[in-house]
N, C-alpha and C. Protein backbone atom coordinates (compact mmCIF):
# COMPACT_ATOMS: atom_id res chain seq x y z
N MET A 1 25.36 11.11 -8.75
CA MET A 1 26.24 9.85 -8.09
C MET A 1 27.10 8.66 -8.72
N LYS A 2 28.07 8.23 -7.78
CA LYS A 2 28.55 7.04 -8.44
C LYS A 2 27.54 5.62 -7.94
N ILE A 3 27.51 4.69 -9.12
CA ILE A 3 26.71 3.68 -8.18
C ILE A 3 27.89 2.78 -8.97
N GLY A 4 27.69 1.51 -8.02
CA GLY A 4 28.47 0.43 -8.51
C GLY A 4 27.49 -1.11 -8.22
N ILE A 5 27.71 -1.63 -9.68
CA ILE A 5 26.30 -2.47 -9.67
C ILE A 5 27.68 -3.67 -9.88
N LEU A 6 26.93 -4.54 -8.68
CA LEU A 6 27.29 -6.43 -8.97
C LEU A 6 26.35 -7.65 -9.34
N GLY A 7 26.77 -7.06 -10.93
CA GLY A 7 25.52 -8.52 -11.29
C GLY A 7 25.24 -7.68 -12.64
N ALA A 8 25.97 -8.54 -13.77
CA ALA A 8 25.53 -8.19 -15.16
C ALA A 8 24.30 -8.73 -15.78
N GLY A 9 23.25 -9.17 -14.66
CA GLY A 9 22.10 -9.65 -15.23
C GLY A 9 21.00 -8.69 -15.69
N LYS A 10 19.97 -9.49 -16.01
CA LYS A 10 18.66 -8.97 -16.21
C LYS A 10 18.57 -7.76 -14.95
N ALA A 11 18.62 -7.63 -13.87
CA ALA A 11 18.16 -6.99 -12.95
C ALA A 11 19.00 -5.31 -12.63
N GLY A 12 20.54 -6.30 -12.64
CA GLY A 12 21.69 -5.51 -12.76
C GLY A 12 21.65 -4.41 -14.09
N THR A 13 21.53 -4.83 -14.82
CA THR A 13 21.55 -4.02 -16.23
C THR A 13 20.64 -3.01 -16.20
N SER A 14 19.23 -3.64 -15.80
CA SER A 14 17.93 -2.56 -15.78
C SER A 14 18.82 -1.32 -14.96
N ILE A 15 19.02 -1.77 -13.60
CA ILE A 15 19.26 -0.53 -12.81
C ILE A 15 20.28 0.06 -13.00
N ALA A 16 21.21 -0.62 -14.27
CA ALA A 16 22.02 0.12 -14.45
C ALA A 16 21.19 1.53 -15.30
N ARG A 17 21.17 1.09 -16.18
CA ARG A 17 20.12 1.97 -17.45
C ARG A 17 19.22 3.28 -17.19
N ALA A 18 18.81 2.33 -15.58
CA ALA A 18 17.69 3.68 -15.30
C ALA A 18 19.02 4.32 -14.16
N ALA A 19 19.54 3.95 -13.49
CA ALA A 19 20.93 5.53 -13.05
C ALA A 19 21.24 5.94 -14.25
N ILE A 20 21.70 5.48 -15.11
CA ILE A 20 22.21 6.53 -16.42
C ILE A 20 20.89 7.70 -16.64
N ALA A 21 20.36 6.68 -16.59
CA ALA A 21 19.18 7.67 -17.16
C ALA A 21 18.95 9.01 -16.58
N ALA A 22 19.18 8.29 -15.43
CA ALA A 22 19.09 9.29 -14.33
C ALA A 22 20.10 10.75 -14.06
N GLY A 23 21.10 10.55 -14.57
CA GLY A 23 22.42 11.14 -14.83
C GLY A 23 23.56 10.80 -13.51
N ASP A 24 23.42 9.60 -13.41
CA ASP A 24 24.74 9.03 -12.18
C ASP A 24 25.79 8.02 -13.41
N GLU A 25 26.63 7.70 -12.59
CA GLU A 25 28.29 7.51 -13.28
C GLU A 25 27.77 5.97 -12.76
N VAL A 26 27.77 4.99 -13.59
CA VAL A 26 27.94 3.62 -13.29
C VAL A 26 29.01 2.58 -14.01
N ALA A 27 29.63 1.92 -12.68
CA ALA A 27 30.67 0.74 -13.60
C ALA A 27 29.34 -0.33 -12.38
N ILE A 28 29.72 -1.69 -13.29
CA ILE A 28 29.16 -2.58 -13.35
C ILE A 28 30.35 -3.80 -13.79
N ALA A 29 29.89 -4.98 -12.81
CA ALA A 29 31.00 -6.10 -12.65
C ALA A 29 30.12 -7.43 -12.70
N ALA A 30 30.78 -8.28 -13.43
CA ALA A 30 30.13 -9.74 -12.77
C ALA A 30 31.51 -10.47 -12.43
N SER A 31 31.69 -11.88 -12.02
CA SER A 31 32.93 -12.62 -11.16
C SER A 31 33.45 -12.45 -12.54
N GLY A 32 34.61 -12.34 -12.42
CA GLY A 32 36.19 -12.70 -13.10
C GLY A 32 36.46 -11.17 -13.66
N ASP A 33 37.28 -11.43 -14.96
CA ASP A 33 37.33 -10.30 -15.78
C ASP A 33 36.50 -9.30 -16.25
N ALA A 34 36.81 -7.76 -16.02
CA ALA A 34 35.70 -7.04 -16.50
C ALA A 34 35.89 -6.90 -17.90
N GLU A 35 36.58 -7.59 -19.04
CA GLU A 35 36.60 -8.35 -20.37
C GLU A 35 34.98 -9.20 -20.62
N ARG A 36 35.18 -10.08 -19.68
CA ARG A 36 33.99 -10.65 -20.12
C ARG A 36 32.35 -10.33 -20.14
N ILE A 37 32.24 -9.43 -19.67
CA ILE A 37 30.89 -8.69 -19.57
C ILE A 37 30.96 -7.56 -20.42
N ARG A 38 32.13 -6.93 -21.47
CA ARG A 38 32.31 -5.58 -22.09
C ARG A 38 31.44 -5.56 -22.85
N LEU A 39 30.93 -6.66 -24.00
CA LEU A 39 30.44 -6.54 -24.57
C LEU A 39 28.97 -6.37 -24.42
N ILE A 40 28.51 -6.95 -23.47
CA ILE A 40 26.93 -7.23 -22.52
C ILE A 40 26.80 -5.46 -22.45
N VAL A 41 27.73 -5.28 -21.65
CA VAL A 41 27.89 -3.80 -21.05
C VAL A 41 27.45 -2.69 -22.38
N GLU A 42 28.43 -2.89 -23.67
CA GLU A 42 28.11 -1.69 -24.58
C GLU A 42 26.86 -2.13 -25.36
N VAL A 43 26.40 -3.38 -25.23
CA VAL A 43 25.01 -3.65 -26.30
C VAL A 43 23.78 -2.95 -25.37
N LEU A 44 23.78 -3.11 -23.55
CA LEU A 44 22.67 -3.70 -23.04
C LEU A 44 22.76 -2.23 -21.73
N VAL A 45 24.02 -1.49 -22.01
CA VAL A 45 24.76 -0.60 -20.59
C VAL A 45 24.82 0.71 -21.55
N PRO A 46 24.79 1.04 -22.72
CA PRO A 46 25.61 2.09 -23.08
C PRO A 46 25.69 3.47 -22.16
N GLY A 47 27.18 3.68 -22.07
CA GLY A 47 27.63 4.74 -20.81
C GLY A 47 27.70 4.62 -19.69
N ALA A 48 27.88 2.48 -19.87
CA ALA A 48 28.10 2.46 -18.06
C ALA A 48 29.48 1.66 -18.73
N VAL A 49 30.73 1.52 -17.26
CA VAL A 49 32.04 1.27 -17.45
C VAL A 49 31.83 -0.61 -17.20
N PRO A 50 32.44 -1.23 -17.73
CA PRO A 50 32.64 -2.47 -17.18
C PRO A 50 33.70 -2.93 -16.58
N THR A 51 33.81 -3.36 -15.43
CA THR A 51 35.18 -3.11 -14.63
C THR A 51 34.92 -4.54 -13.76
N THR A 52 35.79 -4.62 -13.21
CA THR A 52 36.16 -5.09 -11.76
C THR A 52 35.21 -5.70 -10.59
N ALA A 53 34.81 -5.78 -9.81
CA ALA A 53 33.91 -5.69 -8.42
C ALA A 53 34.58 -4.65 -7.71
N ALA A 54 36.05 -5.05 -6.94
CA ALA A 54 36.67 -3.87 -6.30
C ALA A 54 36.94 -2.63 -6.82
N GLU A 55 37.16 -2.65 -8.22
CA GLU A 55 36.80 -1.33 -9.05
C GLU A 55 35.69 -1.18 -8.76
N ALA A 56 34.91 -1.40 -9.26
CA ALA A 56 32.96 -0.97 -9.23
C ALA A 56 32.40 -0.30 -7.90
N VAL A 57 33.03 -1.05 -6.81
CA VAL A 57 32.38 -0.62 -5.33
C VAL A 57 33.17 0.64 -4.90
N ARG A 58 34.26 0.19 -5.34
CA ARG A 58 36.03 1.69 -4.35
C ARG A 58 35.69 2.77 -4.43
N ASP A 59 34.68 3.59 -5.32
CA ASP A 59 34.47 4.62 -5.47
C ASP A 59 33.12 4.98 -5.25
N ALA A 60 32.47 4.12 -4.90
CA ALA A 60 30.77 4.27 -5.34
C ALA A 60 30.32 4.45 -3.99
N ASP A 61 29.12 5.41 -4.70
CA ASP A 61 28.29 6.64 -3.13
C ASP A 61 26.92 4.79 -3.09
N LEU A 62 27.00 4.04 -4.26
CA LEU A 62 25.68 3.33 -3.67
C LEU A 62 26.23 2.06 -4.58
N VAL A 63 26.32 0.83 -3.20
CA VAL A 63 26.06 -0.81 -4.55
C VAL A 63 24.89 -1.30 -4.88
N VAL A 64 24.89 -1.66 -5.40
CA VAL A 64 23.62 -2.44 -6.39
C VAL A 64 24.10 -3.96 -5.88
N LEU A 65 24.00 -4.67 -5.22
CA LEU A 65 24.29 -6.61 -5.45
C LEU A 65 23.19 -6.94 -5.96
N ALA A 66 23.52 -7.09 -6.87
CA ALA A 66 22.35 -8.18 -7.96
C ALA A 66 22.91 -9.16 -8.58
N VAL A 67 23.53 -10.23 -7.85
CA VAL A 67 23.56 -11.31 -8.18
C VAL A 67 22.83 -12.41 -7.75
N PRO A 68 22.76 -13.51 -8.09
CA PRO A 68 22.19 -14.55 -7.83
C PRO A 68 21.87 -15.12 -6.66
N MET A 69 21.16 -15.14 -5.48
CA MET A 69 20.94 -15.34 -4.16
C MET A 69 21.62 -16.48 -3.70
N HIS A 70 21.85 -17.42 -4.91
CA HIS A 70 22.39 -18.17 -4.26
C HIS A 70 23.98 -18.57 -4.29
N LYS A 71 24.66 -17.15 -4.68
CA LYS A 71 25.88 -17.13 -4.82
C LYS A 71 26.80 -15.88 -4.07
N PHE A 72 25.18 -14.97 -3.12
CA PHE A 72 25.46 -13.76 -2.86
C PHE A 72 27.23 -13.62 -1.50
N ARG A 73 27.51 -15.24 -0.79
CA ARG A 73 28.34 -15.11 -0.24
C ARG A 73 29.60 -15.65 -0.99
N ALA A 74 29.79 -15.10 -2.37
CA ALA A 74 30.75 -15.36 -2.95
C ALA A 74 31.82 -13.98 -3.14
N VAL A 75 30.95 -13.06 -2.57
CA VAL A 75 31.57 -11.59 -2.74
C VAL A 75 32.25 -11.30 -1.68
N ASP A 76 32.88 -10.74 -1.43
CA ASP A 76 34.08 -10.29 -0.23
C ASP A 76 33.52 -9.38 0.73
N PRO A 77 33.14 -9.97 2.01
CA PRO A 77 33.07 -8.87 2.58
C PRO A 77 33.82 -7.56 2.78
N ALA A 78 35.38 -7.28 2.76
CA ALA A 78 35.56 -6.59 2.81
C ALA A 78 35.41 -5.32 1.68
N LEU A 79 35.10 -5.67 0.72
CA LEU A 79 34.58 -4.89 -0.36
C LEU A 79 33.77 -4.18 -0.08
N LEU A 80 32.80 -4.51 0.70
CA LEU A 80 31.68 -3.72 0.93
C LEU A 80 31.38 -3.17 2.35
N ALA A 81 32.50 -3.25 2.85
CA ALA A 81 32.53 -2.72 4.31
C ALA A 81 32.51 -0.84 4.35
N GLY A 82 31.25 -0.67 5.16
CA GLY A 82 31.03 0.99 4.93
C GLY A 82 30.37 1.47 3.87
N LYS A 83 29.96 0.69 2.94
CA LYS A 83 29.07 1.08 2.03
C LYS A 83 27.83 1.10 1.82
N ILE A 84 26.83 1.98 1.60
CA ILE A 84 25.67 1.62 1.10
C ILE A 84 25.02 0.73 0.27
N VAL A 85 24.65 -0.10 0.19
CA VAL A 85 24.51 -1.57 -0.46
C VAL A 85 22.62 -1.89 -0.34
N ILE A 86 22.61 -1.80 -1.51
CA ILE A 86 20.79 -2.07 -1.95
C ILE A 86 20.95 -3.60 -2.57
N ASP A 87 20.31 -4.37 -1.08
CA ASP A 87 19.79 -5.49 -2.03
C ASP A 87 18.52 -5.85 -2.97
N VAL A 88 19.09 -5.76 -4.03
CA VAL A 88 17.97 -6.26 -4.94
C VAL A 88 17.35 -7.65 -5.08
N MET A 89 18.20 -8.97 -4.82
CA MET A 89 18.27 -10.16 -4.58
C MET A 89 16.81 -10.74 -3.90
N ASN A 90 16.30 -11.87 -4.98
CA ASN A 90 15.30 -12.33 -4.07
C ASN A 90 15.74 -13.59 -4.11
N TYR A 91 15.37 -14.93 -3.78
CA TYR A 91 15.62 -16.18 -3.15
C TYR A 91 14.33 -17.01 -3.96
N TRP A 92 14.61 -17.49 -5.37
CA TRP A 92 13.93 -18.29 -5.89
C TRP A 92 14.15 -19.89 -5.69
N GLU A 93 13.40 -21.05 -5.41
CA GLU A 93 14.24 -21.88 -5.08
C GLU A 93 13.99 -22.94 -6.63
N PRO A 94 13.36 -22.58 -7.53
CA PRO A 94 13.61 -23.14 -8.76
C PRO A 94 14.99 -22.50 -9.38
N ILE A 95 15.47 -21.54 -9.27
CA ILE A 95 16.50 -20.74 -9.62
C ILE A 95 17.69 -21.35 -8.85
N ASP A 96 17.57 -20.59 -7.23
CA ASP A 96 19.03 -20.92 -6.33
C ASP A 96 18.76 -22.49 -5.86
N GLY A 97 18.08 -23.02 -6.10
CA GLY A 97 17.83 -24.97 -4.93
C GLY A 97 17.62 -24.73 -4.00
N ARG A 98 16.77 -25.54 -3.09
CA ARG A 98 16.56 -25.24 -1.89
C ARG A 98 17.53 -25.06 -1.10
N ILE A 99 17.65 -23.91 -0.74
CA ILE A 99 18.95 -23.30 0.45
C ILE A 99 18.13 -22.83 1.96
N ASP A 100 17.83 -23.86 2.49
CA ASP A 100 16.96 -24.15 4.21
C ASP A 100 17.06 -22.21 5.06
N GLU A 101 18.40 -21.95 4.84
CA GLU A 101 18.68 -20.58 5.58
C GLU A 101 17.85 -19.67 5.05
N LEU A 102 17.77 -19.62 3.25
CA LEU A 102 17.29 -18.70 2.78
C LEU A 102 15.48 -19.05 3.03
N ALA A 103 15.28 -20.28 2.88
CA ALA A 103 13.62 -20.04 2.83
C ALA A 103 13.14 -20.22 4.12
N ASP A 104 13.56 -20.41 5.53
CA ASP A 104 12.96 -20.42 6.08
C ASP A 104 13.22 -19.07 6.77
N ALA A 105 14.24 -17.91 6.42
CA ALA A 105 14.39 -17.09 6.98
C ALA A 105 13.21 -15.98 7.31
N PRO A 106 13.11 -16.15 9.06
CA PRO A 106 11.68 -15.76 9.45
C PRO A 106 11.77 -13.79 9.39
N TYR A 107 13.08 -13.53 9.14
CA TYR A 107 12.82 -11.68 8.88
C TYR A 107 13.26 -11.55 7.47
N GLY A 108 13.08 -12.21 6.54
CA GLY A 108 13.69 -12.24 5.14
C GLY A 108 15.28 -12.50 4.82
N THR A 109 15.58 -12.87 3.70
CA THR A 109 16.75 -12.55 3.24
C THR A 109 18.01 -11.31 3.82
N SER A 110 16.81 -10.69 3.37
CA SER A 110 18.38 -9.23 3.79
C SER A 110 18.40 -9.05 5.12
N VAL A 111 17.87 -9.77 6.04
CA VAL A 111 19.03 -9.70 7.36
C VAL A 111 20.16 -10.86 7.37
N LEU A 112 19.97 -11.88 6.47
CA LEU A 112 21.27 -13.21 6.20
C LEU A 112 22.10 -11.98 5.64
N VAL A 113 21.94 -10.99 4.74
CA VAL A 113 22.34 -10.69 3.93
C VAL A 113 23.77 -9.27 5.22
N GLN A 114 22.78 -8.84 6.01
CA GLN A 114 23.48 -8.24 6.16
C GLN A 114 24.18 -8.66 7.46
N ARG A 115 24.33 -9.44 7.80
CA ARG A 115 24.65 -10.82 9.15
C ARG A 115 26.26 -11.23 7.98
N ALA A 116 26.09 -11.13 6.24
CA ALA A 116 27.46 -12.08 6.01
C ALA A 116 28.41 -10.87 5.83
N PHE A 117 27.19 -9.37 5.50
CA PHE A 117 28.80 -8.19 5.35
C PHE A 117 28.43 -7.62 6.78
N PRO A 118 28.54 -7.50 7.84
CA PRO A 118 28.51 -7.05 8.64
C PRO A 118 28.53 -5.59 8.76
N GLY A 119 30.15 -5.21 7.64
CA GLY A 119 30.31 -3.97 7.91
C GLY A 119 29.59 -3.16 6.68
N ALA A 120 28.69 -3.49 5.77
CA ALA A 120 27.82 -3.13 4.85
C ALA A 120 26.92 -2.52 5.72
N ARG A 121 26.37 -1.01 4.61
CA ARG A 121 25.17 -0.36 5.39
C ARG A 121 24.35 -1.12 4.58
N VAL A 122 23.17 -1.99 4.89
CA VAL A 122 22.14 -3.09 4.24
C VAL A 122 21.21 -2.30 3.82
N VAL A 123 20.42 -2.25 2.75
CA VAL A 123 19.23 -1.22 2.12
C VAL A 123 18.66 -2.66 1.28
N LYS A 124 17.55 -2.72 1.18
CA LYS A 124 16.26 -3.80 0.73
C LYS A 124 15.44 -2.95 0.19
N SER A 125 15.43 -3.09 -1.52
CA SER A 125 14.68 -2.07 -1.85
C SER A 125 15.18 -2.35 -3.77
N LEU A 126 14.42 -2.23 -3.92
CA LEU A 126 14.14 -2.43 -6.08
C LEU A 126 13.97 -4.15 -6.52
N ASN A 127 13.78 -5.14 -5.39
CA ASN A 127 13.28 -6.41 -5.66
C ASN A 127 12.27 -6.58 -5.83
N HIS A 128 11.09 -6.17 -5.28
CA HIS A 128 9.62 -6.14 -5.57
C HIS A 128 8.70 -5.60 -6.86
N LEU A 129 9.56 -5.09 -7.76
CA LEU A 129 9.14 -5.09 -9.49
C LEU A 129 9.98 -5.82 -10.00
N GLY A 130 9.34 -6.01 -11.64
CA GLY A 130 10.18 -6.98 -12.13
C GLY A 130 11.58 -5.95 -12.74
N TYR A 131 12.46 -6.35 -13.34
CA TYR A 131 12.99 -5.74 -14.29
C TYR A 131 13.09 -5.18 -15.18
N HIS A 132 11.98 -5.20 -16.01
CA HIS A 132 11.63 -4.70 -17.12
C HIS A 132 10.66 -3.42 -16.85
N GLU A 133 9.91 -3.30 -15.25
CA GLU A 133 9.29 -2.07 -14.89
C GLU A 133 9.77 -1.14 -14.17
N LEU A 134 11.25 -1.11 -14.45
CA LEU A 134 12.32 -0.37 -13.98
C LEU A 134 12.06 0.80 -15.22
N GLU A 135 12.44 0.51 -15.99
CA GLU A 135 11.96 1.23 -17.30
C GLU A 135 10.46 1.70 -17.70
N GLU A 136 10.12 0.99 -18.30
CA GLU A 136 8.27 1.35 -18.30
C GLU A 136 7.65 1.74 -17.82
N ASP A 137 7.59 1.53 -15.99
CA ASP A 137 6.43 2.13 -15.22
C ASP A 137 7.59 3.25 -14.68
N ALA A 138 8.52 3.71 -15.08
CA ALA A 138 9.06 5.43 -14.49
C ALA A 138 8.35 6.38 -14.92
N ARG A 139 8.09 7.17 -14.00
CA ARG A 139 7.52 8.13 -14.34
C ARG A 139 8.18 9.48 -13.77
N PRO A 140 7.86 10.97 -14.08
CA PRO A 140 8.51 11.93 -13.29
C PRO A 140 7.70 12.67 -12.18
N ALA A 141 8.48 13.05 -11.21
CA ALA A 141 7.74 13.53 -9.95
C ALA A 141 6.63 13.79 -10.31
N GLY A 142 5.44 13.92 -9.61
CA GLY A 142 4.12 14.61 -9.52
C GLY A 142 3.41 13.57 -10.52
N ALA A 143 3.58 12.79 -11.23
CA ALA A 143 2.61 11.99 -11.84
C ALA A 143 1.68 11.49 -11.59
N ALA A 144 0.79 11.63 -11.86
CA ALA A 144 -0.76 10.63 -11.15
C ALA A 144 -0.36 9.78 -11.27
N ASP A 145 0.06 8.73 -12.03
CA ASP A 145 0.03 7.41 -12.15
C ASP A 145 1.61 6.94 -11.75
N ARG A 146 2.34 7.66 -10.59
CA ARG A 146 3.76 6.88 -10.43
C ARG A 146 3.76 5.81 -9.34
N ARG A 147 4.60 5.07 -9.07
CA ARG A 147 4.48 3.82 -8.75
C ARG A 147 4.81 4.08 -7.38
N ALA A 148 4.49 3.34 -6.58
CA ALA A 148 5.74 3.26 -5.26
C ALA A 148 6.51 2.19 -4.95
N VAL A 149 7.86 2.41 -4.60
CA VAL A 149 9.15 1.56 -4.78
C VAL A 149 9.21 1.95 -3.03
N ALA A 150 9.30 0.59 -2.37
CA ALA A 150 9.63 0.69 -0.79
C ALA A 150 11.51 0.50 -0.51
N ALA A 151 11.77 0.53 0.38
CA ALA A 151 12.96 0.23 0.75
C ALA A 151 13.23 0.32 2.45
N ALA A 152 13.81 -0.81 3.06
CA ALA A 152 13.93 -1.10 4.00
C ALA A 152 15.38 -1.10 4.94
N SER A 153 15.77 -0.49 6.18
CA SER A 153 17.17 -1.04 6.54
C SER A 153 17.45 -0.37 7.94
N ASP A 154 18.59 -0.86 8.84
CA ASP A 154 18.46 -0.71 10.16
C ASP A 154 19.46 0.60 10.30
N ASP A 155 19.38 0.96 8.95
CA ASP A 155 20.41 2.73 8.90
C ASP A 155 19.57 3.65 8.39
N ASP A 156 18.93 4.66 9.14
CA ASP A 156 18.32 5.23 8.99
C ASP A 156 19.07 6.43 7.62
N ALA A 157 20.67 6.60 7.19
CA ALA A 157 21.34 7.61 6.39
C ALA A 157 21.18 6.62 5.30
N ALA A 158 21.26 5.43 5.18
CA ALA A 158 21.81 4.54 3.78
C ALA A 158 19.48 5.12 3.35
N LEU A 159 19.30 4.26 4.27
CA LEU A 159 17.28 4.18 3.74
C LEU A 159 17.22 6.02 3.29
N ALA A 160 17.69 6.95 4.02
CA ALA A 160 17.34 8.15 3.29
C ALA A 160 18.17 8.39 1.88
N THR A 161 19.21 7.45 1.85
CA THR A 161 20.10 7.75 0.40
C THR A 161 19.45 6.90 -0.83
N VAL A 162 19.03 5.57 -0.21
CA VAL A 162 18.40 4.97 -1.26
C VAL A 162 16.78 5.26 -2.07
N LEU A 163 15.95 6.28 -0.63
CA LEU A 163 15.05 6.61 -1.07
C LEU A 163 14.91 7.50 -2.15
N ALA A 164 16.10 8.80 -2.18
CA ALA A 164 16.27 9.76 -2.91
C ALA A 164 17.01 9.10 -4.25
N PHE A 165 17.43 7.90 -4.13
CA PHE A 165 17.50 7.53 -5.29
C PHE A 165 16.44 7.11 -5.85
N VAL A 166 15.38 6.26 -5.72
CA VAL A 166 14.21 5.79 -6.60
C VAL A 166 13.52 6.70 -6.46
N ASP A 167 13.24 7.72 -5.97
CA ASP A 167 12.55 9.13 -6.38
C ASP A 167 13.33 9.51 -7.58
N ARG A 168 14.53 9.59 -7.89
CA ARG A 168 15.25 10.30 -9.21
C ARG A 168 15.20 9.03 -10.05
N ILE A 169 15.22 7.92 -10.42
CA ILE A 169 15.31 6.84 -11.14
C ILE A 169 13.32 6.20 -11.41
N GLY A 170 12.60 7.61 -11.04
CA GLY A 170 10.98 7.49 -11.35
C GLY A 170 9.87 7.00 -10.73
N PHE A 171 10.50 6.65 -9.27
CA PHE A 171 9.30 6.30 -8.19
C PHE A 171 9.01 6.46 -7.23
N ASP A 172 8.35 6.62 -6.44
CA ASP A 172 7.81 7.17 -5.26
C ASP A 172 8.23 6.55 -4.27
N PRO A 173 9.38 7.03 -3.03
CA PRO A 173 10.05 6.49 -2.32
C PRO A 173 9.05 6.06 -1.18
N VAL A 174 9.21 4.52 -0.52
CA VAL A 174 8.24 4.48 0.77
C VAL A 174 9.44 3.78 1.48
N ASP A 175 8.94 4.85 2.39
CA ASP A 175 10.17 4.28 3.76
C ASP A 175 9.55 3.01 4.59
N ALA A 176 10.00 1.45 4.30
CA ALA A 176 8.97 0.49 5.09
C ALA A 176 9.67 0.03 5.87
N GLY A 177 10.45 0.56 6.73
CA GLY A 177 11.22 0.93 8.32
C GLY A 177 12.17 -0.43 8.16
N PRO A 178 12.49 -0.84 9.38
CA PRO A 178 13.65 -1.59 9.77
C PRO A 178 13.93 -2.82 8.49
N LEU A 179 14.98 -3.37 8.91
CA LEU A 179 15.47 -4.65 7.36
C LEU A 179 14.55 -5.75 7.86
N ALA A 180 14.18 -5.66 8.99
CA ALA A 180 13.71 -7.06 8.89
C ALA A 180 11.86 -6.70 8.35
N ARG A 181 11.56 -5.94 8.11
CA ARG A 181 10.84 -5.45 6.95
C ARG A 181 10.96 -5.86 5.85
N GLY A 182 11.90 -5.83 5.21
CA GLY A 182 12.27 -6.21 4.18
C GLY A 182 11.31 -7.67 3.85
N ILE A 183 11.14 -8.31 4.66
CA ILE A 183 10.53 -9.68 4.25
C ILE A 183 8.93 -9.18 3.44
N LEU A 184 8.47 -8.28 3.63
CA LEU A 184 7.27 -8.38 2.78
C LEU A 184 7.26 -7.38 1.53
N LEU A 185 8.65 -7.70 0.99
CA LEU A 185 8.80 -6.79 0.01
C LEU A 185 9.37 -8.25 -1.20
N GLU A 186 9.67 -9.16 -0.59
CA GLU A 186 9.76 -10.22 -0.95
C GLU A 186 8.41 -11.26 -1.70
N PRO A 187 9.39 -12.22 -2.32
CA PRO A 187 7.98 -13.16 -3.35
C PRO A 187 7.05 -13.71 -2.20
N GLY A 188 5.86 -14.02 -2.09
CA GLY A 188 4.89 -14.56 -1.35
C GLY A 188 3.91 -13.21 -0.95
N SER A 189 4.85 -11.87 -0.65
CA SER A 189 4.09 -11.06 -0.03
C SER A 189 3.30 -10.18 -0.80
N PRO A 190 2.28 -9.93 -0.52
CA PRO A 190 1.32 -8.83 -1.40
C PRO A 190 1.63 -7.61 -2.05
N LEU A 191 2.76 -7.35 -1.24
CA LEU A 191 3.55 -6.12 -2.26
C LEU A 191 4.67 -6.45 -3.41
N PHE A 192 4.53 -7.91 -3.25
CA PHE A 192 5.62 -8.28 -4.25
C PHE A 192 4.69 -8.43 -5.88
N GLY A 193 5.72 -7.36 -6.80
CA GLY A 193 5.07 -7.16 -8.24
C GLY A 193 3.40 -6.55 -7.96
N ALA A 194 3.41 -6.02 -7.02
CA ALA A 194 2.34 -4.88 -7.23
C ALA A 194 2.14 -3.79 -7.24
N PRO A 195 1.70 -3.28 -8.37
CA PRO A 195 1.99 -1.62 -8.82
C PRO A 195 1.03 -0.59 -8.32
N HIS A 196 0.96 -0.56 -6.91
CA HIS A 196 0.25 -0.01 -6.47
C HIS A 196 1.02 1.58 -6.04
N ASP A 197 -0.05 2.45 -6.04
CA ASP A 197 0.55 4.41 -5.78
C ASP A 197 1.13 4.22 -4.38
N ARG A 198 1.91 5.37 -3.62
CA ARG A 198 2.50 5.63 -2.91
C ARG A 198 1.01 5.38 -1.44
N ALA A 199 0.50 5.71 -1.44
CA ALA A 199 -1.12 5.65 -0.71
C ALA A 199 -1.62 4.59 -0.64
N ALA A 200 -2.01 3.19 -1.68
CA ALA A 200 -1.73 2.26 -1.38
C ALA A 200 -1.08 1.15 -1.09
N PHE A 201 0.14 1.40 -1.38
CA PHE A 201 1.17 0.77 -0.76
C PHE A 201 1.30 0.97 0.58
N GLU A 202 1.72 2.20 0.94
CA GLU A 202 1.30 2.23 2.79
C GLU A 202 0.68 1.49 3.54
N ALA A 203 -1.22 1.95 3.32
CA ALA A 203 -2.03 0.92 3.58
C ALA A 203 -1.65 -0.56 3.56
N VAL A 204 -1.14 -1.00 2.55
CA VAL A 204 -1.02 -2.22 2.46
C VAL A 204 0.01 -2.63 3.56
N LEU A 205 1.15 -1.88 3.53
CA LEU A 205 2.27 -2.29 4.25
C LEU A 205 2.43 -2.14 6.03
N ASP A 206 1.39 -1.04 6.01
CA ASP A 206 1.27 -1.28 7.81
C ASP A 206 -0.01 -2.14 8.41
N ALA A 207 -0.87 -2.35 6.94
CA ALA A 207 -1.33 -3.78 7.67
C ALA A 207 -0.58 -4.71 8.15
N HIS A 208 -0.08 -5.22 7.02
CA HIS A 208 0.59 -6.68 7.15
C HIS A 208 2.47 -6.16 8.37
N ALA A 209 2.88 -4.91 8.44
CA ALA A 209 3.46 -5.20 9.63
C ALA A 209 3.43 -5.26 10.73
N GLU A 210 2.17 -5.01 10.52
CA GLU A 210 1.26 -5.49 12.14
C GLU A 210 0.97 -6.40 12.41
N ALA A 211 1.07 -7.14 11.53
CA ALA A 211 0.57 -8.64 11.59
C ALA A 211 2.40 -9.40 12.00
N LEU A 212 3.07 -8.90 11.34
CA LEU A 212 4.67 -9.21 10.84
C LEU A 212 5.11 -8.96 12.67
N VAL A 213 4.35 -7.87 13.29
CA VAL A 213 4.88 -7.58 14.62
C VAL A 213 4.59 -8.85 15.63
N ALA A 214 3.20 -8.68 15.89
CA ALA A 214 2.22 -10.21 16.60
C ALA A 214 2.66 -11.01 16.12
């Protein structure tokens, strides 16, 4: 697959390495000219191509949105139209500042991301484990200690594509349901940062999803 990553920080570069290890082609972009991140990419993500946001997204099968949460609206919505977008962002007040819209989002920040990019096919995933765990905890399919990673979306086909990607990079995929359930993967949730296997993850997810509906 061709993966376009918007964001050359720790999360973006970690996901890029995981994708390359799985055999994918990766293009990675930050704001501005590609030359600004060329050295970073060459050192941290050998095999990835540093480029502009427009070029990273153009032919991508999957787009990873890994910019700081307070900057996501700076991305041109037209770039993401029709694209499957993995929202890996988390709102952190100490980093992003107090943003009431994000802090008080009743169904999680990914619902707001979908509204900001109405033409995109947004999937919340890969945000509930640490960037270093993407490499440290990856395991081959069938491994007894394989960790679960969930994804939530209102687009069933996009969700299936992302769940397959999660599997290929070394984790047991869990269908978390509609995008509003993405809040159960965000900071403050019992699932955030929890190294559960699939059965344990699904049990906690189901229990809290019922409470969310209630």
